[in-house]
Amino acid sequence: MKKVVRTAAMIALLLTTTVGFASEPKLSVVPNENVKSFVYELDAHAGRTTIKFMDEEQNVIFFETVEKADYAKKFDLSNLKDGLYFFKSEDELSSVSYTISVKGSDVEVIDKKENSKPVFRIKGKMVFLNLLNLDSKDVEIKVFDSSNRLVFSEKRENQMVIEKAFDFTKAYEGEYTVVVRDSKETYYKEVSVN
């Protein structure tokens, strides 16, 4: 029975991830001479998406929260100095970061990094965690109470699909924080137990 439930959960996670990747945002450089620009397009997506464009010193040049199903915006870079810039698109399931080089009239995407985020689902006093860990690197999972005391800790090694269920039915009332740290980032989920 446990194997059937685990298999169903893995299929659901992979289907959710596939849907997330199917609506992956697109960033394309406009191939016109003497026009430094790029176009960002976002098709149907999972929930709210934040868009951020920054310079090398991490100064925010553009920031927007998008809740529309279809979104497209052209970014004019003609007034920017030569150098590196960073464009980040982030929704509930993933984040995509681009490194953009601006030199003279040339604009080039020189790096792209994608990161899947953990999916948390709360049902009653149960919290379910799913994470697609494509690089199969170590993942640390911790739970802290409101006094910042560690109440649970676990390290998963060499696993592509991370699944964990937390049962808070016997926990004391209060606020808890679930912390998931993969090879790229740290994620937090607040849980209230009444």
C-alpha atoms as a PDB file:
ATOM      1  CA  MET A   1       0.000   0.000   0.000  1.00  0.00           C
ATOM      2  CA  LYS A   2       2.833   2.403   0.878  1.00  0.00           C
ATOM      3  CA  LYS A   3       4.479   1.707  -2.472  1.00  0.00           C
ATOM      4  CA  VAL A   4       1.247   2.557  -4.335  1.00  0.00           C
ATOM      5  CA  VAL A   5       0.901   5.837  -2.421  1.00  0.00           C
ATOM      6  CA  ARG A   6       4.578   6.700  -3.015  1.00  0.00           C
ATOM      7  CA  THR A   7       4.279   5.919  -6.740  1.00  0.00           C
ATOM      8  CA  ALA A   8       1.123   8.050  -7.027  1.00  0.00           C
ATOM      9  CA  ALA A   9       2.848  10.926  -5.216  1.00  0.00           C
ATOM     10  CA  MET A  10       5.883  10.702  -7.534  1.00  0.00           C
ATOM     11  CA  ILE A  11       3.652  10.737 -10.629  1.00  0.00           C
ATOM     12  CA  ALA A  12       1.750  13.752  -9.271  1.00  0.00           C
ATOM     13  CA  LEU A  13       5.011  15.600  -8.556  1.00  0.00           C
ATOM     14  CA  LEU A  14       6.445  14.837 -11.981  1.00  0.00           C
ATOM     15  CA  LEU A  15       3.177  15.880 -13.667  1.00  0.00           C
ATOM     16  CA  THR A  16       3.187  19.156 -11.700  1.00  0.00           C
ATOM     17  CA  THR A  17       6.814  19.741 -12.655  1.00  0.00           C
ATOM     18  CA  THR A  18       6.148  18.894 -16.297  1.00  0.00           C
ATOM     19  CA  VAL A  19       3.271  21.388 -16.384  1.00  0.00           C
ATOM     20  CA  GLY A  20       5.565  23.971 -14.774  1.00  0.00           C
ATOM     21  CA  PHE A  21       8.271  23.393 -17.368  1.00  0.00           C
ATOM     22  CA  ALA A  22       5.752  23.378 -20.209  1.00  0.00           C
ATOM     23  CA  SER A  23       4.940  27.002 -19.454  1.00  0.00           C
ATOM     24  CA  GLU A  24       8.590  28.019 -19.106  1.00  0.00           C
ATOM     25  CA  PRO A  25       9.181  31.721 -19.680  1.00  0.00           C
ATOM     26  CA  LYS A  26      11.025  32.781 -22.831  1.00  0.00           C
ATOM     27  CA  LEU A  27      13.678  35.464 -23.085  1.00  0.00           C
ATOM     28  CA  SER A  28      14.878  36.411 -26.548  1.00  0.00           C
ATOM     29  CA  VAL A  29      17.281  39.030 -27.828  1.00  0.00           C
ATOM     30  CA  VAL A  30      15.886  41.279 -30.564  1.00  0.00           C
ATOM     31  CA  PRO A  31      18.127  40.876 -33.664  1.00  0.00           C
ATOM     32  CA  ASN A  32      18.039  44.500 -34.859  1.00  0.00           C
ATOM     33  CA  GLU A  33      21.250  46.448 -35.375  1.00  0.00           C
ATOM     34  CA  ASN A  34      21.702  49.565 -33.258  1.00  0.00           C
ATOM     35  CA  VAL A  35      18.831  48.537 -30.973  1.00  0.00           C
ATOM     36  CA  LYS A  36      19.900  47.087 -27.647  1.00  0.00           C
ATOM     37  CA  SER A  37      16.861  45.228 -26.331  1.00  0.00           C
ATOM     38  CA  PHE A  38      15.367  41.887 -25.396  1.00  0.00           C
ATOM     39  CA  VAL A  39      11.836  40.511 -25.177  1.00  0.00           C
ATOM     40  CA  TYR A  40      10.489  38.520 -22.258  1.00  0.00           C
ATOM     41  CA  GLU A  41       7.383  36.363 -22.783  1.00  0.00           C
ATOM     42  CA  LEU A  42       5.428  34.466 -20.173  1.00  0.00           C
ATOM     43  CA  ASP A  43       2.687  32.045 -21.204  1.00  0.00           C
ATOM     44  CA  ALA A  44       0.152  30.513 -18.850  1.00  0.00           C
ATOM     45  CA  HIS A  45       2.004  30.065 -15.572  1.00  0.00           C
ATOM     46  CA  ALA A  46       1.632  28.728 -12.061  1.00  0.00           C
ATOM     47  CA  GLY A  47       0.365  31.551  -9.869  1.00  0.00           C
ATOM     48  CA  ARG A  48       1.989  34.926  -9.352  1.00  0.00           C
ATOM     49  CA  THR A  49       5.332  35.613 -11.060  1.00  0.00           C
ATOM     50  CA  THR A  50       7.836  38.275 -10.021  1.00  0.00           C
ATOM     51  CA  ILE A  51      10.165  39.746 -12.623  1.00  0.00           C
ATOM     52  CA  LYS A  52      13.362  41.541 -11.643  1.00  0.00           C
ATOM     53  CA  PHE A  53      16.071  43.171 -13.786  1.00  0.00           C
ATOM     54  CA  MET A  54      19.298  44.199 -11.976  1.00  0.00           C
ATOM     55  CA  ASP A  55      22.736  45.596 -12.706  1.00  0.00           C
ATOM     56  CA  GLU A  56      26.099  44.196 -11.521  1.00  0.00           C
ATOM     57  CA  GLU A  57      25.774  45.932  -8.127  1.00  0.00           C
ATOM     58  CA  GLN A  58      22.351  44.292  -7.614  1.00  0.00           C
ATOM     59  CA  ASN A  59      20.555  47.637  -8.059  1.00  0.00           C
ATOM     60  CA  VAL A  60      17.015  46.927  -9.241  1.00  0.00           C
ATOM     61  CA  ILE A  61      16.340  48.565 -12.609  1.00  0.00           C
ATOM     62  CA  PHE A  62      12.905  47.002 -13.151  1.00  0.00           C
ATOM     63  CA  PHE A  63      10.532  45.060 -10.901  1.00  0.00           C
ATOM     64  CA  GLU A  64       7.016  43.809 -11.611  1.00  0.00           C
ATOM     65  CA  THR A  65       4.594  41.222 -10.277  1.00  0.00           C
ATOM     66  CA  VAL A  66       2.597  39.495 -13.024  1.00  0.00           C
ATOM     67  CA  GLU A  67      -0.675  37.686 -12.457  1.00  0.00           C
ATOM     68  CA  LYS A  68      -1.873  37.573 -16.084  1.00  0.00           C
ATOM     69  CA  ALA A  69      -1.923  34.322 -18.042  1.00  0.00           C
ATOM     70  CA  ASP A  70      -0.094  35.847 -21.036  1.00  0.00           C
ATOM     71  CA  TYR A  71       2.563  38.521 -20.673  1.00  0.00           C
ATOM     72  CA  ALA A  72       5.146  40.005 -23.025  1.00  0.00           C
ATOM     73  CA  LYS A  73       7.434  42.988 -22.504  1.00  0.00           C
ATOM     74  CA  LYS A  74      10.244  44.506 -24.532  1.00  0.00           C
ATOM     75  CA  PHE A  75      13.154  45.884 -22.518  1.00  0.00           C
ATOM     76  CA  ASP A  76      15.041  48.766 -24.137  1.00  0.00           C
ATOM     77  CA  LEU A  77      18.686  48.660 -23.048  1.00  0.00           C
ATOM     78  CA  SER A  78      19.938  51.543 -25.202  1.00  0.00           C
ATOM     79  CA  ASN A  79      20.556  53.817 -22.180  1.00  0.00           C
ATOM     80  CA  LEU A  80      22.482  51.200 -20.193  1.00  0.00           C
ATOM     81  CA  LYS A  81      26.262  51.150 -19.832  1.00  0.00           C
ATOM     82  CA  ASP A  82      28.255  48.196 -21.084  1.00  0.00           C
ATOM     83  CA  GLY A  83      28.470  45.386 -18.534  1.00  0.00           C
ATOM     84  CA  LEU A  84      26.630  42.436 -17.030  1.00  0.00           C
ATOM     85  CA  TYR A  85      22.956  42.514 -16.043  1.00  0.00           C
ATOM     86  CA  PHE A  86      20.745  39.942 -14.370  1.00  0.00           C
ATOM     87  CA  PHE A  87      17.145  39.074 -15.187  1.00  0.00           C
ATOM     88  CA  LYS A  88      15.168  36.837 -12.829  1.00  0.00           C
ATOM     89  CA  SER A  89      11.684  35.359 -13.166  1.00  0.00           C
ATOM     90  CA  GLU A  90      10.265  33.567 -10.140  1.00  0.00           C
ATOM     91  CA  ASP A  91       6.936  31.837  -9.438  1.00  0.00           C
ATOM     92  CA  GLU A  92       5.723  29.340  -6.840  1.00  0.00           C
ATOM     93  CA  LEU A  93       7.316  26.328  -8.546  1.00  0.00           C
ATOM     94  CA  SER A  94      10.585  27.578 -10.000  1.00  0.00           C
ATOM     95  CA  SER A  95      12.965  30.430 -10.644  1.00  0.00           C
ATOM     96  CA  VAL A  96      14.863  31.177 -13.846  1.00  0.00           C
ATOM     97  CA  SER A  97      17.865  33.545 -13.854  1.00  0.00           C
ATOM     98  CA  TYR A  98      19.605  34.954 -16.916  1.00  0.00           C
ATOM     99  CA  THR A  99      22.962  36.714 -17.109  1.00  0.00           C
ATOM    100  CA  ILE A 100      22.923  39.281 -19.918  1.00  0.00           C
ATOM    101  CA  SER A 101      26.009  40.917 -21.429  1.00  0.00           C
ATOM    102  CA  VAL A 102      25.666  44.389 -22.958  1.00  0.00           C
ATOM    103  CA  LYS A 103      28.622  45.524 -25.130  1.00  0.00           C
ATOM    104  CA  GLY A 104      28.251  48.365 -27.589  1.00  0.00           C
ATOM    105  CA  SER A 105      25.188  47.521 -29.661  1.00  0.00           C
ATOM    106  CA  ASP A 106      25.374  43.808 -28.785  1.00  0.00           C
ATOM    107  CA  VAL A 107      23.098  42.137 -26.242  1.00  0.00           C
ATOM    108  CA  GLU A 108      23.750  38.478 -25.439  1.00  0.00           C
ATOM    109  CA  VAL A 109      22.345  35.994 -22.928  1.00  0.00           C
ATOM    110  CA  ILE A 110      25.509  34.341 -21.605  1.00  0.00           C
ATOM    111  CA  ASP A 111      24.064  32.160 -18.813  1.00  0.00           C
ATOM    112  CA  LYS A 112      20.743  30.666 -17.752  1.00  0.00           C
ATOM    113  CA  LYS A 113      20.059  28.948 -14.428  1.00  0.00           C
ATOM    114  CA  GLU A 114      16.848  27.152 -13.524  1.00  0.00           C
ATOM    115  CA  ASN A 115      15.893  26.010 -10.064  1.00  0.00           C
ATOM    116  CA  SER A 116      12.878  23.961  -8.976  1.00  0.00           C
ATOM    117  CA  LYS A 117      11.368  25.030  -5.669  1.00  0.00           C
ATOM    118  CA  PRO A 118       9.863  22.709  -3.079  1.00  0.00           C
ATOM    119  CA  VAL A 119       6.092  22.331  -3.156  1.00  0.00           C
ATOM    120  CA  PHE A 120       4.368  22.452   0.236  1.00  0.00           C
ATOM    121  CA  ARG A 121       0.797  21.266   0.750  1.00  0.00           C
ATOM    122  CA  ILE A 122      -0.993  21.640   4.084  1.00  0.00           C
ATOM    123  CA  LYS A 123      -3.935  19.388   4.914  1.00  0.00           C
ATOM    124  CA  GLY A 124      -5.228  19.772   8.448  1.00  0.00           C
ATOM    125  CA  LYS A 125      -2.215  19.339  10.729  1.00  0.00           C
ATOM    126  CA  MET A 126      -0.192  17.525   8.081  1.00  0.00           C
ATOM    127  CA  VAL A 127       2.400  19.251   5.873  1.00  0.00           C
ATOM    128  CA  PHE A 128       3.549  17.478   2.720  1.00  0.00           C
ATOM    129  CA  LEU A 129       6.821  18.409   1.007  1.00  0.00           C
ATOM    130  CA  ASN A 130       7.828  17.506  -2.559  1.00  0.00           C
ATOM    131  CA  LEU A 131      11.033  18.637  -4.230  1.00  0.00           C
ATOM    132  CA  LEU A 132      12.414  17.710  -7.629  1.00  0.00           C
ATOM    133  CA  ASN A 133      16.168  17.631  -6.986  1.00  0.00           C
ATOM    134  CA  LEU A 134      17.483  17.204 -10.546  1.00  0.00           C
ATOM    135  CA  ASP A 135      21.166  17.338  -9.620  1.00  0.00           C
ATOM    136  CA  SER A 136      20.642  14.720  -6.831  1.00  0.00           C
ATOM    137  CA  LYS A 137      22.837  16.715  -4.437  1.00  0.00           C
ATOM    138  CA  ASP A 138      22.332  16.707  -0.673  1.00  0.00           C
ATOM    139  CA  VAL A 139      19.160  18.280   0.716  1.00  0.00           C
ATOM    140  CA  GLU A 140      18.749  19.280   4.362  1.00  0.00           C
ATOM    141  CA  ILE A 141      15.289  19.442   5.934  1.00  0.00           C
ATOM    142  CA  LYS A 142      14.809  21.075   9.341  1.00  0.00           C
ATOM    143  CA  VAL A 143      11.876  22.203  11.478  1.00  0.00           C
ATOM    144  CA  PHE A 144      12.207  24.960  14.082  1.00  0.00           C
ATOM    145  CA  ASP A 145       9.670  26.078  16.691  1.00  0.00           C
ATOM    146  CA  SER A 146       8.847  29.728  17.498  1.00  0.00           C
ATOM    147  CA  SER A 147      11.752  29.858  19.994  1.00  0.00           C
ATOM    148  CA  ASN A 148      14.128  28.865  17.176  1.00  0.00           C
ATOM    149  CA  ARG A 149      14.716  25.418  18.708  1.00  0.00           C
ATOM    150  CA  LEU A 150      15.426  22.583  16.301  1.00  0.00           C
ATOM    151  CA  VAL A 151      12.629  19.992  16.561  1.00  0.00           C
ATOM    152  CA  PHE A 152      13.448  17.920  13.463  1.00  0.00           C
ATOM    153  CA  SER A 153      16.469  17.467  11.197  1.00  0.00           C
ATOM    154  CA  GLU A 154      17.122  15.162   8.268  1.00  0.00           C
ATOM    155  CA  LYS A 155      19.625  15.003   5.402  1.00  0.00           C
ATOM    156  CA  ARG A 156      18.727  13.332   2.105  1.00  0.00           C
ATOM    157  CA  GLU A 157      21.585  12.229  -0.133  1.00  0.00           C
ATOM    158  CA  ASN A 158      21.594  11.256  -3.821  1.00  0.00           C
ATOM    159  CA  GLN A 159      17.808  11.475  -4.277  1.00  0.00           C
ATOM    160  CA  MET A 160      16.178  13.053  -7.297  1.00  0.00           C
ATOM    161  CA  VAL A 161      12.667  13.140  -5.804  1.00  0.00           C
ATOM    162  CA  ILE A 162      12.381  14.274  -2.186  1.00  0.00           C
ATOM    163  CA  GLU A 163       9.119  13.533  -0.386  1.00  0.00           C
ATOM    164  CA  LYS A 164       8.405  14.138   3.269  1.00  0.00           C
ATOM    165  CA  ALA A 165       5.255  14.298   5.390  1.00  0.00           C
ATOM    166  CA  PHE A 166       5.262  16.204   8.686  1.00  0.00           C
ATOM    167  CA  ASP A 167       2.617  15.276  11.260  1.00  0.00           C
ATOM    168  CA  PHE A 168       1.854  18.206  13.584  1.00  0.00           C
ATOM    169  CA  THR A 169      -1.167  16.542  15.273  1.00  0.00           C
ATOM    170  CA  LYS A 170       0.753  16.010  18.536  1.00  0.00           C
ATOM    171  CA  ALA A 171       2.782  19.222  18.319  1.00  0.00           C
ATOM    172  CA  TYR A 172       2.370  22.031  20.847  1.00  0.00           C
ATOM    173  CA  GLU A 173       0.376  25.052  19.690  1.00  0.00           C
ATOM    174  CA  GLY A 174       2.467  27.745  18.072  1.00  0.00           C
ATOM    175  CA  GLU A 175       4.400  28.710  14.969  1.00  0.00           C
ATOM    176  CA  TYR A 176       6.858  26.386  13.236  1.00  0.00           C
ATOM    177  CA  THR A 177       9.226  26.932  10.306  1.00  0.00           C
ATOM    178  CA  VAL A 178      10.111  24.188   7.840  1.00  0.00           C
ATOM    179  CA  VAL A 179      13.507  24.895   6.251  1.00  0.00           C
ATOM    180  CA  VAL A 180      14.640  23.121   3.070  1.00  0.00           C
ATOM    181  CA  ARG A 181      18.202  23.740   1.866  1.00  0.00           C
ATOM    182  CA  ASP A 182      19.335  22.298  -1.463  1.00  0.00           C
ATOM    183  CA  SER A 183      22.593  22.899  -3.336  1.00  0.00           C
ATOM    184  CA  LYS A 184      21.375  26.272  -4.647  1.00  0.00           C
ATOM    185  CA  GLU A 185      19.028  27.963  -2.188  1.00  0.00           C
ATOM    186  CA  THR A 186      17.210  27.822   1.139  1.00  0.00           C
ATOM    187  CA  TYR A 187      13.394  27.764   1.286  1.00  0.00           C
ATOM    188  CA  TYR A 188      11.095  28.461   4.237  1.00  0.00           C
ATOM    189  CA  LYS A 189       7.506  27.488   4.990  1.00  0.00           C
ATOM    190  CA  GLU A 190       5.664  28.853   8.042  1.00  0.00           C
ATOM    191  CA  VAL A 191       3.211  26.472   9.741  1.00  0.00           C
ATOM    192  CA  SER A 192       0.695  27.470  12.436  1.00  0.00           C
ATOM    193  CA  VAL A 193      -0.501  24.812  14.855  1.00  0.00           C
ATOM    194  CA  ASN A 194      -3.681  25.673  16.796  1.00  0.00           C
END
